[in-house]
Each structure stands twice: as structure tokens, then as C-alpha cells.
Amino acid sequence: MKVTSSEIVISAVKPAQYPAENLPEIALAGRSNVGKSSFINKMLARKSLARTSSKPGKTQTLNFYIINEVLHFVDVPGYGYAKVSKKEREIWGKMIETYMTTREQLRAVVLLIDVRHPPTKDDVLMYGFLKHYDIPAIIVATKADKIPKSKWQKHVKVIKDTLNMEKTDSFVLFSSETGQGKDEAWKIIKEYTA
């Protein structure tokens, strides 16, 4: 997809604040610091539309980005960040769950996983949650530039096996540094939002 316009529309914490337009939505989920903001910026060809931070837990709301006036990306708070109180994590969890289980515009969830490490317990839980609610999952393995090409397949296999990934789900090896996987990711997203 050639992105000609993209901007953040609203940061929402409850359904009443979600955008009113009936545009298809793709949610982006993953543990804190997995590279969600970098993924958004690379996909939208913008330097810092989504705020990147070396500090995990930066995103604390559902951030809706409108793309070409035809699609929303929805960045959800990262999970598994220890420095956030249990109560706050529960609030985020409820907010994410409410959005994902009630939003009719949601077409698929991009689940971002750092290719360098096996999926965490939280990654496995999130994938299981998506399967339970029959929400299409697009697995994006980030930071592909950080490991040698010769080790990619080994790491990909670990991710697929740990998640017990279904063959019907899409998988993209991605690098926000090199742009690897960007076209492939757009192709898959377009299939869900056409």
C-alpha cells in the first residue's frame, strides 16, 4: 500500500471514545519494547508518528491512527512490563479485552514478537486469546536485522512451535531498520481490510 496520509486520530480508553467511522481496523499487540511504534512508523513511512521510547510501557491508551482515510491501525498498550502496578496492568488488560472482543471494525491483530527470543508466557496467552475469540492473527517477528540471516529459520521455528501457531495464520519476518517484510505485511493487511 502506498501511504499518502497518516495521523493519530485519538487516544481512547473506553468504547465511547473510539472513532465513529466504520473503517476496518488492524490492532497491534505485543510485549513492551517489542517494536510496535517502530513497526507503525516503518509501515507508514513516517519517522516519529508513533512515539518510540527505550522505556517500556510508553503506550497506555488505545491509539488510533488513520491511514489514507481508509483504515485504522490501533496500537494497544504493551504487556508484560513489570514496572507497572498490578492494578494498572489489570486496567490495561480489561481495556484491550473490551476493544478486541466488542469492536466490529477489528479485522485482525498483528502480534509482534522479538525474533531474538522465544515468545514469552504473555505472548502465548495473547495468541491463545486471539484464537479463543476467533480473531485473525498476523505474527510479525521484529528485529530481524539483529540476528544473522543464517539463524532466521531456527528462530522462526521456535516462535511458531512455542505459540503452537496454526498454519492458517500469516507470519512475517520484519525489520524496521531495513524495511524487510514491509511489503509482505501490507499485502496481508490488505487481504483482511479489502
N, C-alpha and C. Protein backbone atom coordinates (compact mmCIF):
# COMPACT_ATOMS: atom_id res chain seq x y z
N MET A 1 0.85 -1.19 0.00
CA MET A 1 0.00 0.00 0.00
C MET A 1 0.89 1.24 0.00
N LYS A 2 0.55 2.19 -0.84
CA LYS A 2 1.28 3.45 -0.83
C LYS A 2 0.57 4.37 0.17
N VAL A 3 1.25 4.69 1.25
CA VAL A 3 0.65 5.53 2.28
C VAL A 3 0.85 7.00 1.90
N THR A 4 -0.26 7.68 1.66
CA THR A 4 -0.17 9.10 1.30
C THR A 4 -0.55 10.00 2.47
N SER A 5 -1.31 9.46 3.42
CA SER A 5 -1.63 10.25 4.61
C SER A 5 -1.80 9.34 5.82
N SER A 6 -1.31 9.80 6.94
CA SER A 6 -1.48 9.05 8.19
C SER A 6 -1.34 10.01 9.36
N GLU A 7 -2.23 9.85 10.31
CA GLU A 7 -2.13 10.67 11.53
C GLU A 7 -2.83 9.98 12.67
N ILE A 8 -2.45 10.37 13.88
CA ILE A 8 -3.13 9.82 15.05
C ILE A 8 -4.45 10.57 15.20
N VAL A 9 -5.52 9.81 15.38
CA VAL A 9 -6.86 10.40 15.46
C VAL A 9 -7.25 10.64 16.91
N ILE A 10 -7.08 9.59 17.73
CA ILE A 10 -7.48 9.71 19.13
C ILE A 10 -6.77 8.66 19.96
N SER A 11 -6.54 8.99 21.22
CA SER A 11 -6.08 8.01 22.20
C SER A 11 -7.29 7.72 23.08
N ALA A 12 -7.76 6.50 23.04
CA ALA A 12 -9.01 6.15 23.73
C ALA A 12 -8.74 5.19 24.88
N VAL A 13 -9.59 5.26 25.89
CA VAL A 13 -9.53 4.28 26.98
C VAL A 13 -10.85 3.53 27.13
N LYS A 14 -11.90 4.01 26.47
CA LYS A 14 -13.19 3.31 26.56
C LYS A 14 -13.94 3.42 25.22
N PRO A 15 -14.89 2.49 24.99
CA PRO A 15 -15.59 2.42 23.70
C PRO A 15 -16.22 3.74 23.24
N ALA A 16 -16.71 4.54 24.17
CA ALA A 16 -17.35 5.81 23.79
C ALA A 16 -16.37 6.74 23.07
N GLN A 17 -15.08 6.50 23.25
CA GLN A 17 -14.07 7.37 22.64
C GLN A 17 -13.56 6.83 21.30
N TYR A 18 -13.92 5.60 20.94
CA TYR A 18 -13.44 5.04 19.68
C TYR A 18 -13.93 5.90 18.51
N PRO A 19 -13.17 5.94 17.41
CA PRO A 19 -13.63 6.71 16.25
C PRO A 19 -14.98 6.21 15.75
N ALA A 20 -15.79 7.13 15.27
CA ALA A 20 -17.15 6.78 14.83
C ALA A 20 -17.16 6.18 13.42
N GLU A 21 -16.15 6.51 12.60
CA GLU A 21 -16.15 5.99 11.22
C GLU A 21 -16.17 4.46 11.22
N ASN A 22 -16.78 3.92 10.20
CA ASN A 22 -16.87 2.47 10.11
C ASN A 22 -15.73 1.92 9.25
N LEU A 23 -14.49 2.30 9.55
CA LEU A 23 -13.34 1.84 8.78
C LEU A 23 -12.79 0.55 9.36
N PRO A 24 -12.23 -0.32 8.51
CA PRO A 24 -11.60 -1.53 9.04
C PRO A 24 -10.42 -1.17 9.95
N GLU A 25 -10.21 -1.99 10.98
CA GLU A 25 -9.13 -1.74 11.93
C GLU A 25 -8.22 -2.94 12.07
N ILE A 26 -6.94 -2.65 12.20
CA ILE A 26 -5.92 -3.66 12.47
C ILE A 26 -5.27 -3.26 13.79
N ALA A 27 -5.37 -4.13 14.79
CA ALA A 27 -4.76 -3.82 16.09
C ALA A 27 -3.34 -4.36 16.13
N LEU A 28 -2.49 -3.70 16.90
CA LEU A 28 -1.08 -4.09 17.04
C LEU A 28 -0.83 -4.41 18.49
N ALA A 29 -0.45 -5.66 18.76
CA ALA A 29 -0.23 -6.10 20.14
C ALA A 29 1.16 -6.70 20.27
N GLY A 30 1.67 -6.66 21.49
CA GLY A 30 2.98 -7.26 21.74
C GLY A 30 3.50 -6.80 23.08
N ARG A 31 4.54 -7.47 23.54
CA ARG A 31 5.07 -7.08 24.85
C ARG A 31 5.73 -5.71 24.74
N SER A 32 5.92 -5.07 25.88
CA SER A 32 6.58 -3.77 25.92
C SER A 32 7.95 -3.84 25.25
N ASN A 33 8.26 -2.81 24.47
CA ASN A 33 9.56 -2.70 23.79
C ASN A 33 9.80 -3.73 22.69
N VAL A 34 8.75 -4.32 22.16
CA VAL A 34 8.93 -5.30 21.08
C VAL A 34 9.15 -4.61 19.73
N GLY A 35 8.79 -3.31 19.67
CA GLY A 35 8.97 -2.58 18.43
C GLY A 35 7.68 -2.21 17.73
N LYS A 36 6.58 -2.06 18.51
CA LYS A 36 5.29 -1.70 17.90
C LYS A 36 5.36 -0.32 17.24
N SER A 37 5.89 0.66 17.96
CA SER A 37 5.96 2.02 17.41
C SER A 37 6.87 2.07 16.19
N SER A 38 7.99 1.36 16.24
CA SER A 38 8.90 1.31 15.09
C SER A 38 8.21 0.64 13.89
N PHE A 39 7.42 -0.40 14.17
CA PHE A 39 6.66 -1.07 13.11
C PHE A 39 5.69 -0.09 12.45
N ILE A 40 4.94 0.65 13.29
CA ILE A 40 3.97 1.62 12.77
C ILE A 40 4.69 2.67 11.91
N ASN A 41 5.77 3.23 12.45
CA ASN A 41 6.49 4.27 11.72
C ASN A 41 7.04 3.76 10.38
N LYS A 42 7.57 2.54 10.37
CA LYS A 42 8.11 1.97 9.12
C LYS A 42 6.97 1.69 8.13
N MET A 43 5.87 1.12 8.62
CA MET A 43 4.74 0.78 7.74
C MET A 43 4.13 2.05 7.13
N LEU A 44 4.13 3.13 7.90
CA LEU A 44 3.50 4.38 7.43
C LEU A 44 4.51 5.34 6.81
N ALA A 45 5.76 4.89 6.72
CA ALA A 45 6.83 5.71 6.14
C ALA A 45 6.93 7.07 6.84
N ARG A 46 6.83 7.04 8.16
CA ARG A 46 6.95 8.26 8.97
C ARG A 46 8.06 8.04 9.99
N LYS A 47 8.77 9.12 10.29
CA LYS A 47 9.88 8.99 11.24
C LYS A 47 9.41 8.80 12.68
N SER A 48 8.48 9.62 13.11
CA SER A 48 8.11 9.53 14.53
C SER A 48 6.64 9.84 14.78
N LEU A 49 5.77 9.29 13.92
CA LEU A 49 4.33 9.44 14.15
C LEU A 49 3.97 8.73 15.45
N ALA A 50 4.43 7.48 15.56
CA ALA A 50 4.26 6.74 16.82
C ALA A 50 5.52 7.01 17.64
N ARG A 51 5.33 7.42 18.86
CA ARG A 51 6.48 7.74 19.72
C ARG A 51 7.21 6.47 20.13
N THR A 52 8.48 6.41 19.78
CA THR A 52 9.28 5.27 20.23
C THR A 52 9.98 5.69 21.51
N SER A 53 10.25 4.71 22.34
CA SER A 53 10.91 5.01 23.61
C SER A 53 11.73 3.81 24.03
N SER A 54 12.89 4.08 24.63
CA SER A 54 13.66 2.95 25.16
C SER A 54 13.05 2.49 26.47
N LYS A 55 12.16 3.34 27.03
CA LYS A 55 11.46 2.96 28.26
C LYS A 55 10.20 2.19 27.89
N PRO A 56 10.06 0.95 28.36
CA PRO A 56 8.84 0.20 28.09
C PRO A 56 7.63 0.85 28.75
N GLY A 57 6.45 0.49 28.27
CA GLY A 57 5.23 0.97 28.91
C GLY A 57 4.85 2.37 28.50
N LYS A 58 5.35 2.83 27.35
CA LYS A 58 5.06 4.19 26.89
C LYS A 58 3.59 4.34 26.48
N THR A 59 3.09 3.35 25.74
CA THR A 59 1.70 3.40 25.29
C THR A 59 0.78 2.94 26.42
N GLN A 60 -0.14 3.83 26.84
CA GLN A 60 -1.03 3.47 27.94
C GLN A 60 -2.50 3.60 27.56
N THR A 61 -2.73 3.87 26.27
CA THR A 61 -4.10 4.02 25.77
C THR A 61 -4.20 3.26 24.45
N LEU A 62 -5.40 3.18 23.91
CA LEU A 62 -5.58 2.63 22.56
C LEU A 62 -5.39 3.80 21.59
N ASN A 63 -4.32 3.76 20.82
CA ASN A 63 -4.02 4.87 19.91
C ASN A 63 -4.48 4.52 18.50
N PHE A 64 -5.44 5.29 18.01
CA PHE A 64 -6.00 5.06 16.67
C PHE A 64 -5.30 5.94 15.65
N TYR A 65 -4.71 5.31 14.63
CA TYR A 65 -4.07 6.03 13.53
C TYR A 65 -4.91 5.84 12.28
N ILE A 66 -5.21 6.91 11.56
CA ILE A 66 -5.96 6.77 10.32
C ILE A 66 -4.97 6.81 9.16
N ILE A 67 -5.14 5.87 8.23
CA ILE A 67 -4.22 5.73 7.10
C ILE A 67 -4.99 5.90 5.80
N ASN A 68 -4.57 6.88 4.99
CA ASN A 68 -5.20 7.13 3.68
C ASN A 68 -6.71 7.28 3.77
N GLU A 69 -7.21 7.65 4.95
CA GLU A 69 -8.66 7.81 5.17
C GLU A 69 -9.45 6.51 4.94
N VAL A 70 -8.77 5.35 4.89
CA VAL A 70 -9.48 4.10 4.59
C VAL A 70 -9.30 3.00 5.64
N LEU A 71 -8.41 3.23 6.60
CA LEU A 71 -8.03 2.15 7.51
C LEU A 71 -7.49 2.75 8.81
N HIS A 72 -7.75 2.04 9.91
CA HIS A 72 -7.14 2.44 11.20
C HIS A 72 -6.15 1.37 11.65
N PHE A 73 -4.99 1.81 12.13
CA PHE A 73 -4.12 0.97 12.94
C PHE A 73 -4.47 1.33 14.38
N VAL A 74 -4.55 0.33 15.25
CA VAL A 74 -4.84 0.59 16.65
C VAL A 74 -3.71 0.01 17.50
N ASP A 75 -2.92 0.90 18.06
CA ASP A 75 -1.78 0.50 18.90
C ASP A 75 -2.30 0.31 20.31
N VAL A 76 -2.13 -0.90 20.85
CA VAL A 76 -2.60 -1.17 22.21
C VAL A 76 -1.42 -1.20 23.17
N PRO A 77 -1.64 -0.94 24.46
CA PRO A 77 -0.51 -0.95 25.41
C PRO A 77 0.25 -2.28 25.37
N GLY A 78 1.57 -2.18 25.50
CA GLY A 78 2.39 -3.40 25.55
C GLY A 78 2.12 -4.14 26.85
N TYR A 79 2.26 -5.44 26.80
CA TYR A 79 2.04 -6.23 28.02
C TYR A 79 3.37 -6.76 28.57
N GLY A 80 3.29 -7.29 29.77
CA GLY A 80 4.46 -7.93 30.37
C GLY A 80 5.48 -6.95 30.92
N TYR A 81 5.06 -5.71 31.15
CA TYR A 81 6.01 -4.72 31.67
C TYR A 81 5.92 -4.69 33.19
N ALA A 82 7.00 -5.08 33.84
CA ALA A 82 6.98 -5.29 35.29
C ALA A 82 6.85 -4.02 36.12
N LYS A 83 7.31 -2.88 35.60
CA LYS A 83 7.33 -1.68 36.43
C LYS A 83 5.97 -1.00 36.57
N VAL A 84 4.96 -1.60 35.99
CA VAL A 84 3.61 -1.04 36.10
C VAL A 84 2.88 -1.81 37.19
N SER A 85 2.11 -1.12 38.01
CA SER A 85 1.42 -1.79 39.10
C SER A 85 0.45 -2.85 38.57
N LYS A 86 0.19 -3.84 39.41
CA LYS A 86 -0.71 -4.93 39.02
C LYS A 86 -2.08 -4.35 38.66
N LYS A 87 -2.51 -3.36 39.42
CA LYS A 87 -3.81 -2.74 39.18
C LYS A 87 -3.85 -2.07 37.80
N GLU A 88 -2.78 -1.36 37.49
CA GLU A 88 -2.71 -0.70 36.19
C GLU A 88 -2.71 -1.71 35.05
N ARG A 89 -1.96 -2.80 35.24
CA ARG A 89 -1.94 -3.87 34.22
C ARG A 89 -3.34 -4.45 34.01
N GLU A 90 -4.08 -4.61 35.12
CA GLU A 90 -5.45 -5.14 35.02
C GLU A 90 -6.34 -4.18 34.24
N ILE A 91 -6.17 -2.87 34.49
CA ILE A 91 -6.97 -1.87 33.77
C ILE A 91 -6.67 -1.94 32.27
N TRP A 92 -5.36 -2.01 31.93
CA TRP A 92 -4.98 -2.11 30.51
C TRP A 92 -5.54 -3.39 29.90
N GLY A 93 -5.41 -4.49 30.65
CA GLY A 93 -5.89 -5.78 30.17
C GLY A 93 -7.38 -5.73 29.84
N LYS A 94 -8.15 -5.13 30.74
CA LYS A 94 -9.60 -5.00 30.55
C LYS A 94 -9.89 -4.12 29.32
N MET A 95 -9.14 -3.02 29.20
CA MET A 95 -9.32 -2.10 28.08
C MET A 95 -9.05 -2.80 26.75
N ILE A 96 -7.97 -3.58 26.70
CA ILE A 96 -7.62 -4.30 25.47
C ILE A 96 -8.66 -5.38 25.17
N GLU A 97 -9.04 -6.11 26.21
CA GLU A 97 -10.03 -7.19 26.05
C GLU A 97 -11.36 -6.62 25.55
N THR A 98 -11.82 -5.53 26.15
CA THR A 98 -13.08 -4.91 25.73
C THR A 98 -13.01 -4.52 24.26
N TYR A 99 -11.90 -3.87 23.90
CA TYR A 99 -11.74 -3.45 22.50
C TYR A 99 -11.76 -4.66 21.56
N MET A 100 -10.94 -5.65 21.84
CA MET A 100 -10.77 -6.77 20.91
C MET A 100 -12.00 -7.67 20.81
N THR A 101 -12.78 -7.74 21.89
CA THR A 101 -13.93 -8.66 21.85
C THR A 101 -15.23 -7.98 21.43
N THR A 102 -15.25 -6.64 21.38
CA THR A 102 -16.52 -5.97 21.05
C THR A 102 -16.47 -5.11 19.79
N ARG A 103 -15.29 -4.83 19.31
CA ARG A 103 -15.16 -3.88 18.19
C ARG A 103 -15.43 -4.57 16.85
N GLU A 104 -16.52 -4.24 16.23
CA GLU A 104 -16.89 -4.87 14.97
C GLU A 104 -15.94 -4.52 13.82
N GLN A 105 -15.30 -3.37 13.90
CA GLN A 105 -14.40 -2.93 12.83
C GLN A 105 -13.05 -3.68 12.84
N LEU A 106 -12.76 -4.38 13.94
CA LEU A 106 -11.48 -5.09 14.05
C LEU A 106 -11.44 -6.26 13.07
N ARG A 107 -10.44 -6.24 12.18
CA ARG A 107 -10.33 -7.29 11.16
C ARG A 107 -9.27 -8.34 11.49
N ALA A 108 -8.20 -7.90 12.16
CA ALA A 108 -7.11 -8.82 12.51
C ALA A 108 -6.21 -8.13 13.53
N VAL A 109 -5.39 -8.94 14.21
CA VAL A 109 -4.43 -8.40 15.16
C VAL A 109 -3.03 -8.80 14.71
N VAL A 110 -2.16 -7.79 14.59
CA VAL A 110 -0.75 -8.05 14.33
C VAL A 110 -0.11 -8.29 15.70
N LEU A 111 0.37 -9.52 15.90
CA LEU A 111 1.03 -9.86 17.15
C LEU A 111 2.54 -9.80 16.91
N LEU A 112 3.18 -8.80 17.50
CA LEU A 112 4.62 -8.60 17.29
C LEU A 112 5.42 -9.35 18.34
N ILE A 113 6.42 -10.09 17.87
CA ILE A 113 7.27 -10.88 18.75
C ILE A 113 8.72 -10.65 18.35
N ASP A 114 9.58 -10.39 19.32
CA ASP A 114 11.01 -10.18 19.06
C ASP A 114 11.62 -11.50 18.60
N VAL A 115 12.12 -11.52 17.36
CA VAL A 115 12.63 -12.76 16.77
C VAL A 115 13.83 -13.33 17.54
N ARG A 116 14.50 -12.48 18.32
CA ARG A 116 15.70 -12.94 19.03
C ARG A 116 15.40 -13.84 20.21
N HIS A 117 14.16 -13.77 20.72
CA HIS A 117 13.81 -14.51 21.94
C HIS A 117 12.58 -15.37 21.71
N PRO A 118 12.50 -16.50 22.40
CA PRO A 118 11.26 -17.30 22.30
C PRO A 118 10.09 -16.46 22.81
N PRO A 119 8.88 -16.70 22.29
CA PRO A 119 7.71 -15.96 22.79
C PRO A 119 7.59 -16.12 24.31
N THR A 120 7.19 -15.04 24.97
CA THR A 120 7.01 -15.07 26.43
C THR A 120 5.68 -15.76 26.75
N LYS A 121 5.49 -16.00 28.05
CA LYS A 121 4.22 -16.57 28.52
C LYS A 121 3.07 -15.65 28.09
N ASP A 122 3.31 -14.32 28.18
CA ASP A 122 2.28 -13.36 27.79
C ASP A 122 1.97 -13.42 26.29
N ASP A 123 3.01 -13.64 25.46
CA ASP A 123 2.81 -13.78 24.02
C ASP A 123 1.91 -14.99 23.73
N VAL A 124 2.21 -16.09 24.42
CA VAL A 124 1.43 -17.32 24.23
C VAL A 124 -0.01 -17.10 24.68
N LEU A 125 -0.19 -16.40 25.80
CA LEU A 125 -1.54 -16.09 26.29
C LEU A 125 -2.31 -15.22 25.29
N MET A 126 -1.63 -14.20 24.75
CA MET A 126 -2.28 -13.31 23.79
C MET A 126 -2.68 -14.08 22.54
N TYR A 127 -1.80 -14.94 22.05
CA TYR A 127 -2.12 -15.73 20.86
C TYR A 127 -3.32 -16.64 21.16
N GLY A 128 -3.31 -17.27 22.34
CA GLY A 128 -4.42 -18.14 22.75
C GLY A 128 -5.74 -17.36 22.84
N PHE A 129 -5.65 -16.13 23.35
CA PHE A 129 -6.81 -15.24 23.46
C PHE A 129 -7.39 -14.97 22.06
N LEU A 130 -6.52 -14.65 21.11
CA LEU A 130 -6.97 -14.36 19.74
C LEU A 130 -7.64 -15.60 19.12
N LYS A 131 -7.06 -16.75 19.37
CA LYS A 131 -7.62 -18.00 18.83
C LYS A 131 -8.98 -18.27 19.46
N HIS A 132 -9.06 -18.07 20.79
CA HIS A 132 -10.30 -18.32 21.53
C HIS A 132 -11.45 -17.48 20.98
N TYR A 133 -11.15 -16.21 20.68
CA TYR A 133 -12.19 -15.31 20.17
C TYR A 133 -12.27 -15.28 18.65
N ASP A 134 -11.53 -16.20 18.01
CA ASP A 134 -11.59 -16.31 16.56
C ASP A 134 -11.18 -15.01 15.86
N ILE A 135 -10.19 -14.33 16.40
CA ILE A 135 -9.68 -13.10 15.80
C ILE A 135 -8.45 -13.47 14.98
N PRO A 136 -8.45 -13.16 13.69
CA PRO A 136 -7.29 -13.50 12.85
C PRO A 136 -6.01 -12.89 13.40
N ALA A 137 -4.94 -13.70 13.41
CA ALA A 137 -3.65 -13.23 13.92
C ALA A 137 -2.63 -13.19 12.79
N ILE A 138 -1.89 -12.09 12.75
CA ILE A 138 -0.76 -11.96 11.82
C ILE A 138 0.48 -11.87 12.73
N ILE A 139 1.32 -12.88 12.69
CA ILE A 139 2.51 -12.89 13.55
C ILE A 139 3.63 -12.15 12.83
N VAL A 140 4.14 -11.10 13.47
CA VAL A 140 5.26 -10.35 12.90
C VAL A 140 6.45 -10.47 13.84
N ALA A 141 7.51 -11.11 13.34
CA ALA A 141 8.74 -11.27 14.12
C ALA A 141 9.63 -10.06 13.86
N THR A 142 9.78 -9.21 14.87
CA THR A 142 10.51 -7.95 14.70
C THR A 142 12.02 -8.14 14.91
N LYS A 143 12.76 -7.12 14.56
CA LYS A 143 14.21 -7.03 14.81
C LYS A 143 15.01 -8.10 14.07
N ALA A 144 14.54 -8.46 12.85
CA ALA A 144 15.22 -9.48 12.05
C ALA A 144 16.66 -9.08 11.72
N ASP A 145 16.92 -7.77 11.68
CA ASP A 145 18.28 -7.31 11.37
C ASP A 145 19.27 -7.57 12.51
N LYS A 146 18.74 -7.93 13.68
CA LYS A 146 19.61 -8.10 14.85
C LYS A 146 20.20 -9.52 14.97
N ILE A 147 19.77 -10.42 14.11
CA ILE A 147 20.37 -11.77 14.13
C ILE A 147 20.84 -12.12 12.72
N PRO A 148 21.87 -12.97 12.61
CA PRO A 148 22.36 -13.34 11.28
C PRO A 148 21.30 -14.08 10.48
N LYS A 149 21.29 -13.81 9.19
CA LYS A 149 20.32 -14.43 8.28
C LYS A 149 20.32 -15.96 8.41
N SER A 150 21.51 -16.52 8.63
CA SER A 150 21.65 -17.98 8.72
C SER A 150 20.87 -18.57 9.90
N LYS A 151 20.52 -17.71 10.88
CA LYS A 151 19.80 -18.21 12.07
C LYS A 151 18.31 -17.90 12.02
N TRP A 152 17.86 -17.21 10.99
CA TRP A 152 16.44 -16.82 10.90
C TRP A 152 15.50 -18.00 11.04
N GLN A 153 15.73 -19.04 10.24
CA GLN A 153 14.78 -20.16 10.22
C GLN A 153 14.68 -20.85 11.58
N LYS A 154 15.81 -20.95 12.26
CA LYS A 154 15.82 -21.57 13.59
C LYS A 154 14.93 -20.76 14.55
N HIS A 155 15.09 -19.42 14.52
CA HIS A 155 14.32 -18.55 15.40
C HIS A 155 12.83 -18.55 15.03
N VAL A 156 12.54 -18.57 13.74
CA VAL A 156 11.15 -18.60 13.27
C VAL A 156 10.47 -19.88 13.76
N LYS A 157 11.20 -20.99 13.66
CA LYS A 157 10.65 -22.28 14.10
C LYS A 157 10.32 -22.24 15.61
N VAL A 158 11.21 -21.65 16.41
CA VAL A 158 10.99 -21.54 17.87
C VAL A 158 9.70 -20.75 18.14
N ILE A 159 9.53 -19.66 17.41
CA ILE A 159 8.32 -18.84 17.61
C ILE A 159 7.07 -19.63 17.25
N LYS A 160 7.08 -20.23 16.07
CA LYS A 160 5.90 -20.99 15.61
C LYS A 160 5.58 -22.15 16.56
N ASP A 161 6.62 -22.87 16.99
CA ASP A 161 6.41 -24.02 17.87
C ASP A 161 5.92 -23.58 19.26
N THR A 162 6.52 -22.52 19.81
CA THR A 162 6.15 -22.05 21.15
C THR A 162 4.70 -21.57 21.17
N LEU A 163 4.31 -20.87 20.11
CA LEU A 163 2.92 -20.38 20.03
C LEU A 163 1.95 -21.50 19.67
N ASN A 164 2.51 -22.61 19.14
CA ASN A 164 1.67 -23.67 18.57
C ASN A 164 0.82 -23.03 17.46
N MET A 165 1.52 -22.29 16.60
CA MET A 165 0.88 -21.45 15.59
C MET A 165 0.11 -22.28 14.56
N GLU A 166 -1.09 -21.83 14.27
CA GLU A 166 -1.90 -22.51 13.27
C GLU A 166 -1.40 -22.17 11.87
N LYS A 167 -1.47 -23.16 10.98
CA LYS A 167 -0.96 -22.98 9.61
C LYS A 167 -1.70 -21.87 8.86
N THR A 168 -2.94 -21.61 9.27
CA THR A 168 -3.75 -20.61 8.56
C THR A 168 -3.33 -19.18 8.89
N ASP A 169 -2.56 -18.99 9.96
CA ASP A 169 -2.13 -17.64 10.34
C ASP A 169 -0.91 -17.22 9.53
N SER A 170 -0.83 -15.92 9.25
CA SER A 170 0.29 -15.38 8.47
C SER A 170 1.47 -15.09 9.38
N PHE A 171 2.67 -15.21 8.79
CA PHE A 171 3.91 -14.95 9.54
C PHE A 171 4.80 -14.06 8.68
N VAL A 172 5.33 -12.99 9.29
CA VAL A 172 6.21 -12.07 8.57
C VAL A 172 7.47 -11.82 9.39
N LEU A 173 8.61 -11.98 8.76
CA LEU A 173 9.89 -11.63 9.38
C LEU A 173 10.14 -10.17 9.03
N PHE A 174 10.32 -9.33 10.06
CA PHE A 174 10.28 -7.88 9.84
C PHE A 174 11.48 -7.17 10.45
N SER A 175 11.90 -6.10 9.79
CA SER A 175 12.92 -5.23 10.36
C SER A 175 12.55 -3.78 10.08
N SER A 176 12.40 -3.01 11.14
CA SER A 176 12.09 -1.58 10.94
C SER A 176 13.34 -0.83 10.49
N GLU A 177 14.50 -1.45 10.66
CA GLU A 177 15.76 -0.83 10.21
C GLU A 177 15.91 -0.94 8.70
N THR A 178 15.71 -2.15 8.17
CA THR A 178 15.96 -2.40 6.74
C THR A 178 14.68 -2.33 5.89
N GLY A 179 13.53 -2.40 6.56
CA GLY A 179 12.26 -2.41 5.80
C GLY A 179 11.86 -3.81 5.35
N GLN A 180 12.67 -4.79 5.72
CA GLN A 180 12.33 -6.16 5.36
C GLN A 180 10.95 -6.54 5.90
N GLY A 181 10.12 -7.15 5.06
CA GLY A 181 8.81 -7.63 5.49
C GLY A 181 7.71 -6.59 5.36
N LYS A 182 8.07 -5.34 5.05
CA LYS A 182 7.07 -4.27 4.99
C LYS A 182 6.03 -4.54 3.90
N ASP A 183 6.49 -4.84 2.69
CA ASP A 183 5.55 -5.09 1.58
C ASP A 183 4.68 -6.32 1.85
N GLU A 184 5.31 -7.34 2.40
CA GLU A 184 4.59 -8.58 2.72
C GLU A 184 3.51 -8.31 3.78
N ALA A 185 3.87 -7.52 4.80
CA ALA A 185 2.91 -7.19 5.86
C ALA A 185 1.73 -6.40 5.28
N TRP A 186 2.02 -5.44 4.40
CA TRP A 186 0.93 -4.67 3.78
C TRP A 186 0.02 -5.56 2.94
N LYS A 187 0.63 -6.51 2.23
CA LYS A 187 -0.16 -7.41 1.38
C LYS A 187 -1.17 -8.19 2.24
N ILE A 188 -0.70 -8.70 3.37
CA ILE A 188 -1.57 -9.48 4.27
C ILE A 188 -2.65 -8.58 4.87
N ILE A 189 -2.24 -7.38 5.33
CA ILE A 189 -3.21 -6.44 5.93
C ILE A 189 -4.28 -6.09 4.91
N LYS A 190 -3.90 -5.89 3.65
CA LYS A 190 -4.88 -5.55 2.62
C LYS A 190 -5.88 -6.67 2.39
N GLU A 191 -5.42 -7.92 2.53
CA GLU A 191 -6.35 -9.06 2.38
C GLU A 191 -7.44 -9.01 3.45
N TYR A 192 -7.07 -8.57 4.65
CA TYR A 192 -8.05 -8.51 5.75
C TYR A 192 -8.93 -7.27 5.70
N THR A 193 -8.47 -6.23 5.03
CA THR A 193 -9.21 -4.97 5.08
C THR A 193 -9.88 -4.58 3.77
N ALA A 194 -9.68 -5.39 2.74
CA ALA A 194 -10.28 -5.08 1.43
C ALA A 194 -11.80 -5.12 1.49
